[in-house]
């Protein structure tokens, strides 16, 4: 199975558009938004469109709130 792409939704530094959607390892956000809900919607759309991917949603304090896997989720394991 190919490596899973991770799309991150987290709080950024821009006070006008504080929520960012970015691919793991990227320095530049794919999209910035004014609300977390909008960032999650954008992130979900990107993750679903990329195939084997995971959407990781962070709280404002930087802790992981939720992870969603799209296509090729290994859980529950076969056997």
PDB file of N, CA and C in Angstrom:
ATOM      1  N   UNK A   1       0.850  -1.179   0.000  1.00  0.00           N
ATOM      2  CA  UNK A   1       0.000   0.000   0.000  1.00  0.00           C
ATOM      3  C   UNK A   1       0.895   1.242   0.000  1.00  0.00           C
ATOM      4  N   UNK A   2       0.527   2.242  -0.745  1.00  0.00           N
ATOM      5  CA  UNK A   2       1.318   3.466  -0.826  1.00  0.00           C
ATOM      6  C   UNK A   2       1.195   4.271   0.464  1.00  0.00           C
ATOM      7  N   UNK A   3       2.163   5.145   0.652  1.00  0.00           N
ATOM      8  CA  UNK A   3       2.167   5.966   1.851  1.00  0.00           C
ATOM      9  C   UNK A   3       0.958   6.902   1.866  1.00  0.00           C
ATOM     10  N   UNK A   4       0.371   7.032   3.023  1.00  0.00           N
ATOM     11  CA  UNK A   4      -0.816   7.873   3.193  1.00  0.00           C
ATOM     12  C   UNK A   4      -0.418   9.342   3.271  1.00  0.00           C
ATOM     13  N   UNK A   5      -1.103  10.195   2.527  1.00  0.00           N
ATOM     14  CA  UNK A   5      -0.894  11.642   2.579  1.00  0.00           C
ATOM     15  C   UNK A   5      -1.669  12.181   3.779  1.00  0.00           C
ATOM     16  N   UNK A   6      -1.046  13.067   4.551  1.00  0.00           N
ATOM     17  CA  UNK A   6      -1.702  13.627   5.731  1.00  0.00           C
ATOM     18  C   UNK A   6      -1.984  15.111   5.504  1.00  0.00           C
ATOM     19  N   UNK A   7      -3.247  15.465   5.664  1.00  0.00           N
ATOM     20  CA  UNK A   7      -3.700  16.846   5.552  1.00  0.00           C
ATOM     21  C   UNK A   7      -3.992  17.339   6.968  1.00  0.00           C
ATOM     22  N   UNK A   8      -3.375  18.455   7.342  1.00  0.00           N
ATOM     23  CA  UNK A   8      -3.485  18.965   8.701  1.00  0.00           C
ATOM     24  C   UNK A   8      -4.369  20.218   8.746  1.00  0.00           C
ATOM     25  N   UNK A   9      -5.231  20.293   9.745  1.00  0.00           N
ATOM     26  CA  UNK A   9      -6.038  21.492  10.011  1.00  0.00           C
ATOM     27  C   UNK A   9      -5.605  21.983  11.384  1.00  0.00           C
ATOM     28  N   UNK A  10      -5.046  23.187  11.428  1.00  0.00           N
ATOM     29  CA  UNK A  10      -4.564  23.706  12.704  1.00  0.00           C
ATOM     30  C   UNK A  10      -4.634  25.222  12.753  1.00  0.00           C
ATOM     31  N   UNK A  11      -4.443  25.732  13.950  1.00  0.00           N
ATOM     32  CA  UNK A  11      -4.492  27.177  14.178  1.00  0.00           C
ATOM     33  C   UNK A  11      -3.163  27.773  13.745  1.00  0.00           C
ATOM     34  N   UNK A  12      -3.231  28.811  12.914  1.00  0.00           N
ATOM     35  CA  UNK A  12      -2.025  29.472  12.418  1.00  0.00           C
ATOM     36  C   UNK A  12      -1.763  30.786  13.131  1.00  0.00           C
ATOM     37  N   UNK A  13      -0.902  31.595  12.539  1.00  0.00           N
ATOM     38  CA  UNK A  13      -0.483  32.856  13.162  1.00  0.00           C
ATOM     39  C   UNK A  13      -1.238  34.088  12.671  1.00  0.00           C
ATOM     40  N   UNK A  14      -1.914  33.998  11.535  1.00  0.00           N
ATOM     41  CA  UNK A  14      -2.583  35.161  10.953  1.00  0.00           C
ATOM     42  C   UNK A  14      -3.875  35.470  11.719  1.00  0.00           C
ATOM     43  N   UNK A  15      -3.962  36.634  12.365  1.00  0.00           N
ATOM     44  CA  UNK A  15      -5.169  36.944  13.136  1.00  0.00           C
ATOM     45  C   UNK A  15      -6.425  37.138  12.276  1.00  0.00           C
ATOM     46  N   UNK A  16      -6.258  37.475  10.986  1.00  0.00           N
ATOM     47  CA  UNK A  16      -7.417  37.671  10.115  1.00  0.00           C
ATOM     48  C   UNK A  16      -7.963  36.351   9.576  1.00  0.00           C
ATOM     49  N   UNK A  17      -7.084  35.390   9.321  1.00  0.00           N
ATOM     50  CA  UNK A  17      -7.472  34.051   8.860  1.00  0.00           C
ATOM     51  C   UNK A  17      -6.661  33.038   9.657  1.00  0.00           C
ATOM     52  N   UNK A  18      -7.088  32.771  10.894  1.00  0.00           N
ATOM     53  CA  UNK A  18      -6.252  32.002  11.805  1.00  0.00           C
ATOM     54  C   UNK A  18      -6.193  30.485  11.598  1.00  0.00           C
ATOM     55  N   UNK A  19      -7.084  29.918  10.806  1.00  0.00           N
ATOM     56  CA  UNK A  19      -7.073  28.467  10.628  1.00  0.00           C
ATOM     57  C   UNK A  19      -6.448  28.102   9.291  1.00  0.00           C
ATOM     58  N   UNK A  20      -5.542  27.124   9.312  1.00  0.00           N
ATOM     59  CA  UNK A  20      -4.808  26.717   8.116  1.00  0.00           C
ATOM     60  C   UNK A  20      -5.059  25.259   7.779  1.00  0.00           C
ATOM     61  N   UNK A  21      -5.032  24.970   6.489  1.00  0.00           N
ATOM     62  CA  UNK A  21      -5.071  23.601   5.975  1.00  0.00           C
ATOM     63  C   UNK A  21      -3.757  23.436   5.218  1.00  0.00           C
ATOM     64  N   UNK A  22      -2.989  22.424   5.613  1.00  0.00           N
ATOM     65  CA  UNK A  22      -1.725  22.216   4.908  1.00  0.00           C
ATOM     66  C   UNK A  22      -1.384  20.732   4.853  1.00  0.00           C
ATOM     67  N   UNK A  23      -0.585  20.385   3.871  1.00  0.00           N
ATOM     68  CA  UNK A  23      -0.108  19.023   3.743  1.00  0.00           C
ATOM     69  C   UNK A  23       1.051  18.852   4.721  1.00  0.00           C
ATOM     70  N   UNK A  24       1.107  17.710   5.367  1.00  0.00           N
ATOM     71  CA  UNK A  24       2.173  17.457   6.335  1.00  0.00           C
ATOM     72  C   UNK A  24       3.541  17.672   5.694  1.00  0.00           C
ATOM     73  N   UNK A  25       4.397  18.422   6.376  1.00  0.00           N
ATOM     74  CA  UNK A  25       5.731  18.692   5.888  1.00  0.00           C
ATOM     75  C   UNK A  25       5.853  19.951   5.048  1.00  0.00           C
ATOM     76  N   UNK A  26       4.725  20.518   4.643  1.00  0.00           N
ATOM     77  CA  UNK A  26       4.741  21.728   3.815  1.00  0.00           C
ATOM     78  C   UNK A  26       4.830  22.967   4.695  1.00  0.00           C
ATOM     79  N   UNK A  27       5.594  23.944   4.250  1.00  0.00           N
ATOM     80  CA  UNK A  27       5.704  25.201   4.997  1.00  0.00           C
ATOM     81  C   UNK A  27       4.575  26.169   4.642  1.00  0.00           C
ATOM     82  N   UNK A  28       4.015  26.030   3.454  1.00  0.00           N
ATOM     83  CA  UNK A  28       2.959  26.925   2.985  1.00  0.00           C
ATOM     84  C   UNK A  28       1.591  26.255   3.106  1.00  0.00           C
ATOM     85  N   UNK A  29       0.594  26.958   3.641  1.00  0.00           N
ATOM     86  CA  UNK A  29      -0.750  26.373   3.727  1.00  0.00           C
ATOM     87  C   UNK A  29      -1.395  26.253   2.341  1.00  0.00           C
ATOM     88  N   UNK A  30      -2.231  25.236   2.183  1.00  0.00           N
ATOM     89  CA  UNK A  30      -3.023  25.081   0.964  1.00  0.00           C
ATOM     90  C   UNK A  30      -4.162  26.097   0.966  1.00  0.00           C
ATOM     91  N   UNK A  31      -4.669  26.395   2.177  1.00  0.00           N
ATOM     92  CA  UNK A  31      -5.808  27.307   2.325  1.00  0.00           C
ATOM     93  C   UNK A  31      -5.798  27.856   3.746  1.00  0.00           C
ATOM     94  N   UNK A  32      -6.204  29.107   3.906  1.00  0.00           N
ATOM     95  CA  UNK A  32      -6.419  29.685   5.227  1.00  0.00           C
ATOM     96  C   UNK A  32      -7.874  30.138   5.309  1.00  0.00           C
ATOM     97  N   UNK A  33      -8.461  30.020   6.498  1.00  0.00           N
ATOM     98  CA  UNK A  33      -9.868  30.382   6.681  1.00  0.00           C
ATOM     99  C   UNK A  33     -10.045  31.130   8.001  1.00  0.00           C
ATOM    100  N   UNK A  34     -11.209  31.748   8.142  1.00  0.00           N
ATOM    101  CA  UNK A  34     -11.506  32.493   9.369  1.00  0.00           C
ATOM    102  C   UNK A  34     -12.078  31.605  10.462  1.00  0.00           C
ATOM    103  N   UNK A  35     -12.623  30.434  10.097  1.00  0.00           N
ATOM    104  CA  UNK A  35     -13.206  29.551  11.111  1.00  0.00           C
ATOM    105  C   UNK A  35     -12.650  28.134  10.986  1.00  0.00           C
ATOM    106  N   UNK A  36     -12.674  27.436  12.093  1.00  0.00           N
ATOM    107  CA  UNK A  36     -12.213  26.046  12.126  1.00  0.00           C
ATOM    108  C   UNK A  36     -13.142  25.158  11.299  1.00  0.00           C
ATOM    109  N   UNK A  37     -14.458  25.394  11.401  1.00  0.00           N
ATOM    110  CA  UNK A  37     -15.419  24.583  10.642  1.00  0.00           C
ATOM    111  C   UNK A  37     -15.141  24.642   9.143  1.00  0.00           C
ATOM    112  N   UNK A  38     -14.865  25.829   8.640  1.00  0.00           N
ATOM    113  CA  UNK A  38     -14.566  25.992   7.213  1.00  0.00           C
ATOM    114  C   UNK A  38     -13.257  25.279   6.863  1.00  0.00           C
ATOM    115  N   UNK A  39     -12.260  25.379   7.733  1.00  0.00           N
ATOM    116  CA  UNK A  39     -10.983  24.706   7.490  1.00  0.00           C
ATOM    117  C   UNK A  39     -11.167  23.189   7.449  1.00  0.00           C
ATOM    118  N   UNK A  40     -12.012  22.655   8.318  1.00  0.00           N
ATOM    119  CA  UNK A  40     -12.276  21.212   8.329  1.00  0.00           C
ATOM    120  C   UNK A  40     -12.988  20.801   7.036  1.00  0.00           C
ATOM    121  N   UNK A  41     -13.948  21.596   6.579  1.00  0.00           N
ATOM    122  CA  UNK A  41     -14.638  21.299   5.317  1.00  0.00           C
ATOM    123  C   UNK A  41     -13.657  21.262   4.149  1.00  0.00           C
ATOM    124  N   UNK A  42     -12.781  22.257   4.083  1.00  0.00           N
ATOM    125  CA  UNK A  42     -11.786  22.330   3.007  1.00  0.00           C
ATOM    126  C   UNK A  42     -10.826  21.147   3.111  1.00  0.00           C
ATOM    127  N   UNK A  43     -10.347  20.871   4.322  1.00  0.00           N
ATOM    128  CA  UNK A  43      -9.424  19.764   4.533  1.00  0.00           C
ATOM    129  C   UNK A  43     -10.031  18.424   4.157  1.00  0.00           C
ATOM    130  N   UNK A  44     -11.307  18.227   4.514  1.00  0.00           N
ATOM    131  CA  UNK A  44     -11.994  16.976   4.179  1.00  0.00           C
ATOM    132  C   UNK A  44     -12.106  16.809   2.667  1.00  0.00           C
ATOM    133  N   UNK A  45     -12.444  17.875   1.977  1.00  0.00           N
ATOM    134  CA  UNK A  45     -12.562  17.822   0.521  1.00  0.00           C
ATOM    135  C   UNK A  45     -11.215  17.479  -0.125  1.00  0.00           C
ATOM    136  N   UNK A  46     -10.141  18.102   0.357  1.00  0.00           N
ATOM    137  CA  UNK A  46      -8.808  17.822  -0.177  1.00  0.00           C
ATOM    138  C   UNK A  46      -8.413  16.376   0.118  1.00  0.00           C
ATOM    139  N   UNK A  47      -8.622  15.929   1.359  1.00  0.00           N
ATOM    140  CA  UNK A  47      -8.235  14.570   1.749  1.00  0.00           C
ATOM    141  C   UNK A  47      -9.006  13.516   0.950  1.00  0.00           C
ATOM    142  N   UNK A  48     -10.303  13.708   0.777  1.00  0.00           N
ATOM    143  CA  UNK A  48     -11.104  12.749   0.007  1.00  0.00           C
ATOM    144  C   UNK A  48     -10.683  12.718  -1.457  1.00  0.00           C
ATOM    145  N   UNK A  49     -10.244  13.855  -1.981  1.00  0.00           N
ATOM    146  CA  UNK A  49      -9.855  13.943  -3.383  1.00  0.00           C
ATOM    147  C   UNK A  49      -8.460  13.424  -3.668  1.00  0.00           C
ATOM    148  N   UNK A  50      -7.683  13.166  -2.624  1.00  0.00           N
ATOM    149  CA  UNK A  50      -6.302  12.724  -2.827  1.00  0.00           C
ATOM    150  C   UNK A  50      -6.135  11.222  -2.767  1.00  0.00           C
ATOM    151  N   UNK A  51      -7.172  10.496  -2.454  1.00  0.00           N
ATOM    152  CA  UNK A  51      -7.048   9.039  -2.391  1.00  0.00           C
ATOM    153  C   UNK A  51      -6.663   8.581  -0.996  1.00  0.00           C
ATOM    154  N   UNK A  52      -5.569   7.829  -0.907  1.00  0.00           N
ATOM    155  CA  UNK A  52      -5.114   7.270   0.360  1.00  0.00           C
ATOM    156  C   UNK A  52      -4.601   8.402   1.247  1.00  0.00           C
ATOM    157  N   UNK A  53      -5.454   8.897   2.152  1.00  0.00           N
ATOM    158  CA  UNK A  53      -5.089  10.079   2.927  1.00  0.00           C
ATOM    159  C   UNK A  53      -5.695  10.064   4.320  1.00  0.00           C
ATOM    160  N   UNK A  54      -5.223  10.989   5.125  1.00  0.00           N
ATOM    161  CA  UNK A  54      -5.714  11.137   6.483  1.00  0.00           C
ATOM    162  C   UNK A  54      -5.869  12.623   6.778  1.00  0.00           C
ATOM    163  N   UNK A  55      -6.978  12.990   7.392  1.00  0.00           N
ATOM    164  CA  UNK A  55      -7.227  14.359   7.822  1.00  0.00           C
ATOM    165  C   UNK A  55      -6.980  14.403   9.327  1.00  0.00           C
ATOM    166  N   UNK A  56      -6.065  15.265   9.752  1.00  0.00           N
ATOM    167  CA  UNK A  56      -5.733  15.406  11.166  1.00  0.00           C
ATOM    168  C   UNK A  56      -6.180  16.795  11.597  1.00  0.00           C
ATOM    169  N   UNK A  57      -7.095  16.836  12.559  1.00  0.00           N
ATOM    170  CA  UNK A  57      -7.671  18.093  13.035  1.00  0.00           C
ATOM    171  C   UNK A  57      -7.118  18.383  14.425  1.00  0.00           C
ATOM    172  N   UNK A  58      -6.526  19.565  14.574  1.00  0.00           N
ATOM    173  CA  UNK A  58      -5.934  19.962  15.841  1.00  0.00           C
ATOM    174  C   UNK A  58      -6.832  20.950  16.571  1.00  0.00           C
ATOM    175  N   UNK A  59      -6.732  20.955  17.893  1.00  0.00           N
ATOM    176  CA  UNK A  59      -7.388  21.973  18.710  1.00  0.00           C
ATOM    177  C   UNK A  59      -6.557  23.246  18.640  1.00  0.00           C
ATOM    178  N   UNK A  60      -7.100  24.326  19.133  1.00  0.00           N
ATOM    179  CA  UNK A  60      -6.387  25.602  19.135  1.00  0.00           C
ATOM    180  C   UNK A  60      -5.091  25.517  19.949  1.00  0.00           C
ATOM    181  N   UNK A  61      -5.062  24.646  20.972  1.00  0.00           N
ATOM    182  CA  UNK A  61      -3.862  24.518  21.810  1.00  0.00           C
ATOM    183  C   UNK A  61      -2.788  23.619  21.192  1.00  0.00           C
ATOM    184  N   UNK A  62      -3.044  23.082  19.991  1.00  0.00           N
ATOM    185  CA  UNK A  62      -2.044  22.283  19.290  1.00  0.00           C
ATOM    186  C   UNK A  62      -2.146  20.784  19.503  1.00  0.00           C
ATOM    187  N   UNK A  63      -3.061  20.327  20.336  1.00  0.00           N
ATOM    188  CA  UNK A  63      -3.252  18.887  20.559  1.00  0.00           C
ATOM    189  C   UNK A  63      -4.193  18.334  19.500  1.00  0.00           C
ATOM    190  N   UNK A  64      -3.982  17.070  19.136  1.00  0.00           N
ATOM    191  CA  UNK A  64      -4.843  16.439  18.133  1.00  0.00           C
ATOM    192  C   UNK A  64      -6.240  16.245  18.713  1.00  0.00           C
ATOM    193  N   UNK A  65      -7.232  16.698  17.965  1.00  0.00           N
ATOM    194  CA  UNK A  65      -8.630  16.543  18.359  1.00  0.00           C
ATOM    195  C   UNK A  65      -9.224  15.293  17.727  1.00  0.00           C
ATOM    196  N   UNK A  66      -8.901  15.081  16.436  1.00  0.00           N
ATOM    197  CA  UNK A  66      -9.549  14.005  15.685  1.00  0.00           C
ATOM    198  C   UNK A  66      -8.703  13.644  14.469  1.00  0.00           C
ATOM    199  N   UNK A  67      -8.773  12.376  14.066  1.00  0.00           N
ATOM    200  CA  UNK A  67      -8.130  11.915  12.842  1.00  0.00           C
ATOM    201  C   UNK A  67      -9.167  11.155  12.022  1.00  0.00           C
ATOM    202  N   UNK A  68      -9.194  11.435  10.732  1.00  0.00           N
ATOM    203  CA  UNK A  68     -10.126  10.755   9.822  1.00  0.00           C
ATOM    204  C   UNK A  68      -9.310  10.172   8.673  1.00  0.00           C
ATOM    205  N   UNK A  69      -9.542   8.903   8.376  1.00  0.00           N
ATOM    206  CA  UNK A  69      -8.813   8.232   7.305  1.00  0.00           C
ATOM    207  C   UNK A  69      -9.742   7.985   6.129  1.00  0.00           C
ATOM    208  N   UNK A  70      -9.235   8.255   4.927  1.00  0.00           N
ATOM    209  CA  UNK A  70     -10.003   8.065   3.705  1.00  0.00           C
ATOM    210  C   UNK A  70      -9.253   7.104   2.795  1.00  0.00           C
ATOM    211  N   UNK A  71      -9.925   6.065   2.336  1.00  0.00           N
ATOM    212  CA  UNK A  71      -9.402   5.053   1.423  1.00  0.00           C
ATOM    213  C   UNK A  71      -8.240   4.309   2.066  1.00  0.00           C
ATOM    214  N   UNK A  72      -8.347   3.016   2.114  1.00  0.00           N
ATOM    215  CA  UNK A  72      -7.250   2.188   2.587  1.00  0.00           C
ATOM    216  C   UNK A  72      -7.025   2.218   4.086  1.00  0.00           C
ATOM    217  N   UNK A  73      -8.062   2.412   4.876  1.00  0.00           N
ATOM    218  CA  UNK A  73      -7.917   2.410   6.327  1.00  0.00           C
ATOM    219  C   UNK A  73      -7.596   0.985   6.783  1.00  0.00           C
ATOM    220  N   UNK A  74      -6.468   0.775   7.470  1.00  0.00           N
ATOM    221  CA  UNK A  74      -6.092  -0.570   7.880  1.00  0.00           C
ATOM    222  C   UNK A  74      -6.858  -1.090   9.091  1.00  0.00           C
ATOM    223  N   UNK A  75      -7.754  -0.301   9.671  1.00  0.00           N
ATOM    224  CA  UNK A  75      -8.504  -0.755  10.831  1.00  0.00           C
ATOM    225  C   UNK A  75      -9.964  -0.955  10.469  1.00  0.00           C
ATOM    226  N   UNK A  76     -10.630  -2.011  10.802  1.00  0.00           N
ATOM    227  CA  UNK A  76     -10.073  -3.110  11.575  1.00  0.00           C
ATOM    228  C   UNK A  76      -9.164  -3.987  10.706  1.00  0.00           C
ATOM    229  N   UNK A  77      -8.116  -4.526  11.315  1.00  0.00           N
ATOM    230  CA  UNK A  77      -7.179  -5.350  10.565  1.00  0.00           C
ATOM    231  C   UNK A  77      -7.819  -6.655  10.094  1.00  0.00           C
ATOM    232  N   UNK A  78      -7.324  -7.174   8.983  1.00  0.00           N
ATOM    233  CA  UNK A  78      -7.819  -8.457   8.489  1.00  0.00           C
ATOM    234  C   UNK A  78      -7.326  -9.553   9.412  1.00  0.00           C
ATOM    235  N   UNK A  79      -8.118 -10.627   9.517  1.00  0.00           N
ATOM    236  CA  UNK A  79      -7.614 -11.760  10.305  1.00  0.00           C
ATOM    237  C   UNK A  79      -8.622 -12.189  11.240  1.00  0.00           C
TER     238      UNK A  79
END
